[in-house]
Amino acid sequence: MSNVIFLLSGPNLDELGVREPAVYGDTTLSQHVARFSARSSAAGCTVVHRQSNFEGDLVEAIHEARQDEALAIVINAGALTHYSWSLRDALVNFPGIKIEVHLSNPLAREDFRHVSTLASVVNGSIAGFRALSYDLAFEAVLALRDTSAPSPGVA
């Protein structure tokens, strides 16, 4: 297993910084990725970032992470979190660490956001801390790497 972390960003996350700053903050996706990458580099990890507004592109990125034997996937699937069974099915086959991350707290928002199709196949979910959510996700990857915790949902 490598020290590569795939950081996956779903639909509309390319609009961070201008999209509902009261909910998501004013930090852009590029700024989130740069901060996550800097922390990762300092810990000897490499980040591969993929953002797409298309579900299939994210499925392909998960397949790529599995084929590359990546250490972890940190995924902010955006609205796909609430209905994408194809992302869930792709993640179940990834044997590494899987962390679901959200800038806002979906449980404090509209009812449709209270469901995560990913929750049953990830090691854990971090939500509601805006930019700090990514920092906490990175810390979780390191902690799980260092304890060799098993990944849920692996067949």
N, C-alpha and C. Protein backbone atom coordinates (compact mmCIF):
# COMPACT_ATOMS: atom_id res chain seq x y z
N MET A 1 0.84 -1.19 0.00
CA MET A 1 0.00 0.00 0.00
C MET A 1 0.88 1.24 0.00
N SER A 2 0.51 2.19 -0.79
CA SER A 2 1.28 3.43 -0.94
C SER A 2 0.90 4.45 0.12
N ASN A 3 1.53 5.58 0.06
CA ASN A 3 1.18 6.72 0.92
C ASN A 3 0.40 7.76 0.14
N VAL A 4 -0.37 7.31 -0.84
CA VAL A 4 -1.17 8.21 -1.66
C VAL A 4 -2.57 8.31 -1.07
N ILE A 5 -3.05 9.54 -0.96
CA ILE A 5 -4.41 9.80 -0.51
C ILE A 5 -5.18 10.42 -1.67
N PHE A 6 -6.27 9.78 -2.05
CA PHE A 6 -7.15 10.36 -3.06
C PHE A 6 -8.14 11.26 -2.34
N LEU A 7 -8.17 12.52 -2.73
CA LEU A 7 -9.10 13.50 -2.19
C LEU A 7 -10.13 13.75 -3.29
N LEU A 8 -11.35 13.29 -3.06
CA LEU A 8 -12.39 13.37 -4.09
C LEU A 8 -13.44 14.41 -3.70
N SER A 9 -13.78 15.25 -4.67
CA SER A 9 -14.71 16.34 -4.45
C SER A 9 -15.84 16.25 -5.47
N GLY A 10 -17.05 16.22 -4.97
CA GLY A 10 -18.22 16.02 -5.81
C GLY A 10 -18.81 17.28 -6.40
N PRO A 11 -20.05 17.16 -6.88
CA PRO A 11 -20.72 18.24 -7.59
C PRO A 11 -20.80 19.54 -6.79
N ASN A 12 -20.59 20.61 -7.49
CA ASN A 12 -20.71 21.98 -6.99
C ASN A 12 -19.60 22.40 -6.03
N LEU A 13 -18.71 21.50 -5.68
CA LEU A 13 -17.63 21.91 -4.79
C LEU A 13 -16.64 22.83 -5.49
N ASP A 14 -16.64 22.82 -6.82
CA ASP A 14 -15.82 23.77 -7.55
C ASP A 14 -16.33 25.19 -7.39
N GLU A 15 -17.51 25.34 -6.79
CA GLU A 15 -18.11 26.66 -6.56
C GLU A 15 -17.88 27.16 -5.12
N LEU A 16 -17.12 26.39 -4.33
CA LEU A 16 -16.84 26.84 -2.96
C LEU A 16 -16.17 28.20 -2.99
N GLY A 17 -16.48 28.99 -2.00
CA GLY A 17 -15.97 30.35 -1.92
C GLY A 17 -17.01 31.36 -2.37
N VAL A 18 -17.87 30.94 -3.30
CA VAL A 18 -18.96 31.81 -3.76
C VAL A 18 -20.33 31.17 -3.52
N ARG A 19 -20.36 29.87 -3.32
CA ARG A 19 -21.62 29.16 -3.11
C ARG A 19 -21.99 29.16 -1.64
N GLU A 20 -23.07 29.81 -1.31
CA GLU A 20 -23.60 29.84 0.06
C GLU A 20 -22.51 29.93 1.14
N PRO A 21 -21.76 31.03 1.15
CA PRO A 21 -20.68 31.15 2.13
C PRO A 21 -21.16 31.07 3.58
N ALA A 22 -22.40 31.40 3.85
CA ALA A 22 -22.92 31.28 5.22
C ALA A 22 -22.99 29.82 5.65
N VAL A 23 -23.11 28.93 4.68
CA VAL A 23 -23.19 27.49 4.98
C VAL A 23 -21.82 26.83 4.88
N TYR A 24 -21.09 27.13 3.78
CA TYR A 24 -19.85 26.41 3.48
C TYR A 24 -18.58 27.19 3.76
N GLY A 25 -18.70 28.47 4.13
CA GLY A 25 -17.52 29.30 4.34
C GLY A 25 -17.07 29.95 3.04
N ASP A 26 -16.04 30.75 3.13
CA ASP A 26 -15.57 31.47 1.94
C ASP A 26 -14.26 30.92 1.38
N THR A 27 -13.82 29.78 1.90
CA THR A 27 -12.61 29.14 1.40
C THR A 27 -12.93 28.41 0.09
N THR A 28 -12.08 28.59 -0.91
CA THR A 28 -12.30 27.94 -2.20
C THR A 28 -11.83 26.49 -2.15
N LEU A 29 -12.28 25.71 -3.12
CA LEU A 29 -11.83 24.31 -3.19
C LEU A 29 -10.32 24.25 -3.36
N SER A 30 -9.77 25.11 -4.19
CA SER A 30 -8.31 25.14 -4.39
C SER A 30 -7.58 25.38 -3.09
N GLN A 31 -8.12 26.25 -2.25
CA GLN A 31 -7.50 26.52 -0.95
C GLN A 31 -7.60 25.30 -0.03
N HIS A 32 -8.75 24.63 -0.04
CA HIS A 32 -8.89 23.40 0.77
C HIS A 32 -7.88 22.35 0.32
N VAL A 33 -7.77 22.16 -0.99
CA VAL A 33 -6.86 21.15 -1.53
C VAL A 33 -5.41 21.50 -1.21
N ALA A 34 -5.04 22.76 -1.35
CA ALA A 34 -3.67 23.19 -1.05
C ALA A 34 -3.32 22.93 0.41
N ARG A 35 -4.23 23.25 1.29
CA ARG A 35 -3.98 23.03 2.73
C ARG A 35 -3.87 21.55 3.05
N PHE A 36 -4.79 20.75 2.50
CA PHE A 36 -4.77 19.30 2.71
C PHE A 36 -3.47 18.72 2.14
N SER A 37 -3.07 19.16 0.96
CA SER A 37 -1.86 18.66 0.31
C SER A 37 -0.61 19.02 1.10
N ALA A 38 -0.56 20.24 1.63
CA ALA A 38 0.61 20.66 2.42
C ALA A 38 0.74 19.80 3.68
N ARG A 39 -0.37 19.56 4.36
CA ARG A 39 -0.33 18.72 5.56
C ARG A 39 0.08 17.30 5.20
N SER A 40 -0.44 16.81 4.09
CA SER A 40 -0.12 15.45 3.65
C SER A 40 1.36 15.32 3.30
N SER A 41 1.87 16.29 2.57
CA SER A 41 3.27 16.27 2.18
C SER A 41 4.18 16.26 3.41
N ALA A 42 3.84 17.06 4.41
CA ALA A 42 4.64 17.11 5.63
C ALA A 42 4.65 15.76 6.35
N ALA A 43 3.63 14.94 6.12
CA ALA A 43 3.55 13.62 6.75
C ALA A 43 4.04 12.51 5.82
N GLY A 44 4.61 12.89 4.69
CA GLY A 44 5.15 11.90 3.76
C GLY A 44 4.13 11.28 2.83
N CYS A 45 2.99 11.93 2.68
CA CYS A 45 1.93 11.42 1.80
C CYS A 45 1.79 12.31 0.57
N THR A 46 1.28 11.73 -0.47
CA THR A 46 0.99 12.45 -1.71
C THR A 46 -0.51 12.49 -1.91
N VAL A 47 -1.01 13.61 -2.39
CA VAL A 47 -2.45 13.77 -2.62
C VAL A 47 -2.73 13.78 -4.11
N VAL A 48 -3.72 13.00 -4.50
CA VAL A 48 -4.28 13.05 -5.84
C VAL A 48 -5.68 13.60 -5.67
N HIS A 49 -5.93 14.78 -6.25
CA HIS A 49 -7.26 15.39 -6.11
C HIS A 49 -8.03 15.25 -7.41
N ARG A 50 -9.28 14.86 -7.28
CA ARG A 50 -10.20 14.80 -8.41
C ARG A 50 -11.49 15.48 -8.00
N GLN A 51 -11.93 16.43 -8.81
CA GLN A 51 -13.24 17.07 -8.61
C GLN A 51 -14.03 16.85 -9.87
N SER A 52 -15.29 16.49 -9.68
CA SER A 52 -16.16 16.36 -10.84
C SER A 52 -17.60 16.64 -10.44
N ASN A 53 -18.32 17.18 -11.38
CA ASN A 53 -19.75 17.38 -11.21
C ASN A 53 -20.53 16.18 -11.75
N PHE A 54 -19.79 15.13 -12.13
CA PHE A 54 -20.39 13.95 -12.72
C PHE A 54 -20.07 12.70 -11.91
N GLU A 55 -21.08 11.99 -11.53
CA GLU A 55 -20.97 10.82 -10.67
C GLU A 55 -19.99 9.77 -11.22
N GLY A 56 -20.10 9.46 -12.50
CA GLY A 56 -19.24 8.44 -13.10
C GLY A 56 -17.76 8.76 -13.00
N ASP A 57 -17.42 10.04 -13.09
CA ASP A 57 -16.01 10.44 -12.95
C ASP A 57 -15.49 10.09 -11.56
N LEU A 58 -16.32 10.28 -10.55
CA LEU A 58 -15.91 9.96 -9.19
C LEU A 58 -15.80 8.45 -8.98
N VAL A 59 -16.70 7.69 -9.59
CA VAL A 59 -16.61 6.23 -9.55
C VAL A 59 -15.28 5.79 -10.16
N GLU A 60 -14.94 6.36 -11.30
CA GLU A 60 -13.67 6.03 -11.96
C GLU A 60 -12.47 6.39 -11.08
N ALA A 61 -12.55 7.50 -10.38
CA ALA A 61 -11.46 7.90 -9.49
C ALA A 61 -11.31 6.90 -8.33
N ILE A 62 -12.41 6.40 -7.82
CA ILE A 62 -12.35 5.38 -6.76
C ILE A 62 -11.71 4.11 -7.30
N HIS A 63 -12.07 3.72 -8.52
CA HIS A 63 -11.43 2.55 -9.14
C HIS A 63 -9.93 2.78 -9.30
N GLU A 64 -9.56 3.98 -9.72
CA GLU A 64 -8.14 4.32 -9.88
C GLU A 64 -7.41 4.21 -8.54
N ALA A 65 -8.03 4.69 -7.47
CA ALA A 65 -7.40 4.61 -6.15
C ALA A 65 -7.18 3.15 -5.75
N ARG A 66 -8.16 2.29 -6.04
CA ARG A 66 -8.02 0.86 -5.73
C ARG A 66 -6.90 0.25 -6.56
N GLN A 67 -6.89 0.52 -7.85
CA GLN A 67 -5.86 -0.04 -8.73
C GLN A 67 -4.46 0.44 -8.35
N ASP A 68 -4.38 1.68 -7.89
CA ASP A 68 -3.08 2.25 -7.48
C ASP A 68 -2.69 1.85 -6.05
N GLU A 69 -3.55 1.08 -5.39
CA GLU A 69 -3.32 0.66 -4.00
C GLU A 69 -3.07 1.85 -3.09
N ALA A 70 -3.90 2.87 -3.24
CA ALA A 70 -3.79 4.07 -2.42
C ALA A 70 -4.02 3.75 -0.95
N LEU A 71 -3.44 4.55 -0.11
CA LEU A 71 -3.62 4.43 1.33
C LEU A 71 -5.05 4.75 1.74
N ALA A 72 -5.62 5.82 1.15
CA ALA A 72 -6.90 6.31 1.63
C ALA A 72 -7.65 7.07 0.55
N ILE A 73 -8.95 7.14 0.77
CA ILE A 73 -9.82 8.03 0.01
C ILE A 73 -10.51 8.93 1.03
N VAL A 74 -10.39 10.22 0.83
CA VAL A 74 -11.17 11.21 1.59
C VAL A 74 -12.14 11.78 0.58
N ILE A 75 -13.42 11.61 0.84
CA ILE A 75 -14.43 11.99 -0.15
C ILE A 75 -15.47 12.94 0.42
N ASN A 76 -15.63 14.05 -0.27
CA ASN A 76 -16.75 14.95 -0.05
C ASN A 76 -17.60 14.81 -1.31
N ALA A 77 -18.60 13.97 -1.24
CA ALA A 77 -19.41 13.66 -2.41
C ALA A 77 -20.49 14.69 -2.68
N GLY A 78 -20.57 15.73 -1.83
CA GLY A 78 -21.61 16.74 -2.01
C GLY A 78 -22.98 16.08 -1.97
N ALA A 79 -23.89 16.53 -2.80
CA ALA A 79 -25.25 16.01 -2.81
C ALA A 79 -25.32 14.53 -3.19
N LEU A 80 -24.29 14.01 -3.87
CA LEU A 80 -24.28 12.59 -4.22
C LEU A 80 -24.27 11.70 -2.97
N THR A 81 -23.83 12.26 -1.86
CA THR A 81 -23.84 11.53 -0.59
C THR A 81 -25.21 10.94 -0.30
N HIS A 82 -26.24 11.64 -0.67
CA HIS A 82 -27.60 11.31 -0.23
C HIS A 82 -28.34 10.35 -1.14
N TYR A 83 -27.76 10.05 -2.32
CA TYR A 83 -28.50 9.16 -3.22
C TYR A 83 -27.62 8.32 -4.15
N SER A 84 -26.32 8.40 -4.06
CA SER A 84 -25.47 7.70 -5.02
C SER A 84 -25.09 6.31 -4.53
N TRP A 85 -25.84 5.34 -4.99
CA TRP A 85 -25.50 3.95 -4.67
C TRP A 85 -24.29 3.51 -5.47
N SER A 86 -24.03 4.13 -6.62
CA SER A 86 -22.86 3.74 -7.40
C SER A 86 -21.55 4.15 -6.71
N LEU A 87 -21.54 5.29 -6.03
CA LEU A 87 -20.35 5.66 -5.24
C LEU A 87 -20.16 4.70 -4.09
N ARG A 88 -21.26 4.35 -3.43
CA ARG A 88 -21.20 3.39 -2.33
C ARG A 88 -20.64 2.06 -2.81
N ASP A 89 -21.14 1.58 -3.94
CA ASP A 89 -20.69 0.29 -4.47
C ASP A 89 -19.23 0.33 -4.90
N ALA A 90 -18.76 1.46 -5.40
CA ALA A 90 -17.34 1.59 -5.76
C ALA A 90 -16.48 1.62 -4.50
N LEU A 91 -16.93 2.35 -3.49
CA LEU A 91 -16.15 2.45 -2.25
C LEU A 91 -16.05 1.12 -1.52
N VAL A 92 -17.07 0.28 -1.61
CA VAL A 92 -17.05 -0.99 -0.88
C VAL A 92 -15.88 -1.86 -1.34
N ASN A 93 -15.44 -1.70 -2.58
CA ASN A 93 -14.34 -2.50 -3.10
C ASN A 93 -12.97 -1.89 -2.84
N PHE A 94 -12.92 -0.71 -2.27
CA PHE A 94 -11.63 -0.09 -1.96
C PHE A 94 -11.17 -0.57 -0.58
N PRO A 95 -10.03 -1.25 -0.50
CA PRO A 95 -9.63 -1.85 0.78
C PRO A 95 -8.93 -0.91 1.75
N GLY A 96 -8.63 0.29 1.32
CA GLY A 96 -7.91 1.22 2.19
C GLY A 96 -8.83 1.99 3.10
N ILE A 97 -8.29 3.02 3.69
CA ILE A 97 -9.02 3.90 4.61
C ILE A 97 -9.97 4.77 3.80
N LYS A 98 -11.19 4.94 4.30
CA LYS A 98 -12.20 5.75 3.61
C LYS A 98 -12.85 6.69 4.63
N ILE A 99 -12.74 7.98 4.36
CA ILE A 99 -13.30 9.00 5.24
C ILE A 99 -14.26 9.87 4.43
N GLU A 100 -15.49 9.98 4.91
CA GLU A 100 -16.49 10.88 4.32
C GLU A 100 -16.37 12.22 5.04
N VAL A 101 -16.35 13.29 4.27
CA VAL A 101 -16.17 14.61 4.87
C VAL A 101 -17.20 15.59 4.29
N HIS A 102 -17.68 16.47 5.15
CA HIS A 102 -18.61 17.54 4.74
C HIS A 102 -18.24 18.81 5.48
N LEU A 103 -18.32 19.93 4.77
CA LEU A 103 -18.04 21.22 5.39
C LEU A 103 -19.17 21.64 6.32
N SER A 104 -20.40 21.40 5.89
CA SER A 104 -21.55 21.72 6.72
C SER A 104 -21.97 20.47 7.49
N ASN A 105 -22.95 20.60 8.34
CA ASN A 105 -23.48 19.47 9.09
C ASN A 105 -24.79 19.02 8.44
N PRO A 106 -24.76 17.96 7.63
CA PRO A 106 -25.99 17.54 6.94
C PRO A 106 -27.16 17.25 7.88
N LEU A 107 -26.88 16.79 9.09
CA LEU A 107 -27.96 16.46 10.02
C LEU A 107 -28.66 17.70 10.58
N ALA A 108 -28.05 18.86 10.42
CA ALA A 108 -28.66 20.10 10.88
C ALA A 108 -29.34 20.85 9.74
N ARG A 109 -29.46 20.18 8.60
CA ARG A 109 -30.02 20.83 7.42
C ARG A 109 -31.30 20.14 6.97
N GLU A 110 -31.65 20.26 5.72
CA GLU A 110 -32.89 19.70 5.18
C GLU A 110 -32.94 18.19 5.39
N ASP A 111 -34.16 17.67 5.50
CA ASP A 111 -34.35 16.24 5.77
C ASP A 111 -33.65 15.34 4.76
N PHE A 112 -33.67 15.70 3.48
CA PHE A 112 -33.06 14.82 2.48
C PHE A 112 -31.56 14.66 2.69
N ARG A 113 -30.93 15.59 3.40
CA ARG A 113 -29.50 15.51 3.67
C ARG A 113 -29.16 14.60 4.85
N HIS A 114 -30.16 14.08 5.53
CA HIS A 114 -29.92 13.26 6.71
C HIS A 114 -29.51 11.84 6.36
N VAL A 115 -29.58 11.47 5.10
CA VAL A 115 -29.23 10.12 4.65
C VAL A 115 -27.87 10.16 3.97
N SER A 116 -27.01 9.21 4.32
CA SER A 116 -25.74 9.03 3.62
C SER A 116 -25.68 7.61 3.09
N THR A 117 -25.60 7.47 1.77
CA THR A 117 -25.43 6.15 1.19
C THR A 117 -24.02 5.62 1.41
N LEU A 118 -23.11 6.49 1.82
CA LEU A 118 -21.70 6.12 1.99
C LEU A 118 -21.37 5.67 3.41
N ALA A 119 -22.15 6.07 4.37
CA ALA A 119 -21.80 5.89 5.78
C ALA A 119 -21.50 4.44 6.15
N SER A 120 -22.20 3.49 5.56
CA SER A 120 -22.00 2.10 5.96
C SER A 120 -20.72 1.48 5.41
N VAL A 121 -20.04 2.16 4.49
CA VAL A 121 -18.83 1.58 3.90
C VAL A 121 -17.58 2.43 4.12
N VAL A 122 -17.69 3.48 4.91
CA VAL A 122 -16.51 4.29 5.23
C VAL A 122 -16.12 4.05 6.68
N ASN A 123 -14.87 4.36 6.99
CA ASN A 123 -14.41 4.21 8.38
C ASN A 123 -15.11 5.20 9.29
N GLY A 124 -15.41 6.39 8.77
CA GLY A 124 -16.08 7.39 9.57
C GLY A 124 -16.43 8.61 8.75
N SER A 125 -17.27 9.44 9.34
CA SER A 125 -17.73 10.66 8.69
C SER A 125 -17.39 11.85 9.58
N ILE A 126 -16.92 12.91 8.95
CA ILE A 126 -16.60 14.15 9.66
C ILE A 126 -17.40 15.26 8.99
N ALA A 127 -18.15 16.00 9.78
CA ALA A 127 -19.04 17.00 9.19
C ALA A 127 -19.24 18.19 10.12
N GLY A 128 -19.45 19.34 9.49
CA GLY A 128 -19.88 20.51 10.23
C GLY A 128 -18.80 21.44 10.70
N PHE A 129 -17.56 21.19 10.36
CA PHE A 129 -16.47 22.01 10.87
C PHE A 129 -15.83 22.90 9.81
N ARG A 130 -16.54 23.08 8.68
CA ARG A 130 -16.03 23.87 7.56
C ARG A 130 -14.62 23.41 7.20
N ALA A 131 -13.67 24.32 7.06
CA ALA A 131 -12.32 23.95 6.62
C ALA A 131 -11.66 22.95 7.57
N LEU A 132 -11.98 23.03 8.83
CA LEU A 132 -11.42 22.11 9.82
C LEU A 132 -11.84 20.67 9.54
N SER A 133 -12.96 20.47 8.83
CA SER A 133 -13.39 19.11 8.48
C SER A 133 -12.30 18.37 7.72
N TYR A 134 -11.64 19.05 6.79
CA TYR A 134 -10.57 18.42 6.02
C TYR A 134 -9.36 18.11 6.90
N ASP A 135 -9.03 19.02 7.82
CA ASP A 135 -7.93 18.76 8.75
C ASP A 135 -8.22 17.53 9.60
N LEU A 136 -9.44 17.44 10.10
CA LEU A 136 -9.82 16.29 10.93
C LEU A 136 -9.82 15.00 10.12
N ALA A 137 -10.23 15.08 8.87
CA ALA A 137 -10.20 13.90 8.00
C ALA A 137 -8.77 13.43 7.79
N PHE A 138 -7.86 14.37 7.59
CA PHE A 138 -6.45 14.00 7.42
C PHE A 138 -5.91 13.35 8.69
N GLU A 139 -6.23 13.92 9.83
CA GLU A 139 -5.78 13.34 11.11
C GLU A 139 -6.35 11.93 11.29
N ALA A 140 -7.58 11.71 10.85
CA ALA A 140 -8.18 10.38 10.93
C ALA A 140 -7.43 9.40 10.05
N VAL A 141 -7.06 9.82 8.85
CA VAL A 141 -6.28 8.94 7.95
C VAL A 141 -4.98 8.53 8.63
N LEU A 142 -4.27 9.49 9.20
CA LEU A 142 -3.00 9.16 9.86
C LEU A 142 -3.21 8.21 11.04
N ALA A 143 -4.22 8.49 11.85
CA ALA A 143 -4.48 7.64 13.02
C ALA A 143 -4.85 6.22 12.59
N LEU A 144 -5.68 6.10 11.58
CA LEU A 144 -6.07 4.76 11.11
C LEU A 144 -4.91 4.04 10.44
N ARG A 145 -4.10 4.79 9.72
CA ARG A 145 -2.90 4.19 9.11
C ARG A 145 -1.99 3.62 10.19
N ASP A 146 -1.80 4.40 11.24
CA ASP A 146 -0.87 4.01 12.29
C ASP A 146 -1.39 2.88 13.17
N THR A 147 -2.70 2.68 13.19
CA THR A 147 -3.27 1.59 13.98
C THR A 147 -3.67 0.40 13.12
N SER A 148 -3.49 0.56 11.80
CA SER A 148 -3.86 -0.51 10.85
C SER A 148 -5.29 -0.97 11.05
N ALA A 149 -6.18 -0.02 11.25
CA ALA A 149 -7.60 -0.35 11.46
C ALA A 149 -8.17 -0.95 10.18
N PRO A 150 -8.98 -1.98 10.33
CA PRO A 150 -9.62 -2.56 9.13
C PRO A 150 -10.64 -1.62 8.54
N SER A 151 -10.81 -1.71 7.25
CA SER A 151 -11.76 -0.87 6.55
C SER A 151 -13.10 -1.59 6.44
N PRO A 152 -14.21 -0.90 6.74
CA PRO A 152 -15.51 -1.56 6.64
C PRO A 152 -15.91 -1.77 5.19
N GLY A 153 -16.80 -2.70 4.98
CA GLY A 153 -17.40 -2.88 3.67
C GLY A 153 -16.55 -3.60 2.65
N VAL A 154 -15.40 -4.13 3.05
CA VAL A 154 -14.56 -4.82 2.10
C VAL A 154 -15.00 -6.27 2.01
N ALA A 155 -15.27 -6.71 0.80
CA ALA A 155 -15.76 -8.09 0.58
C ALA A 155 -14.67 -9.10 0.84
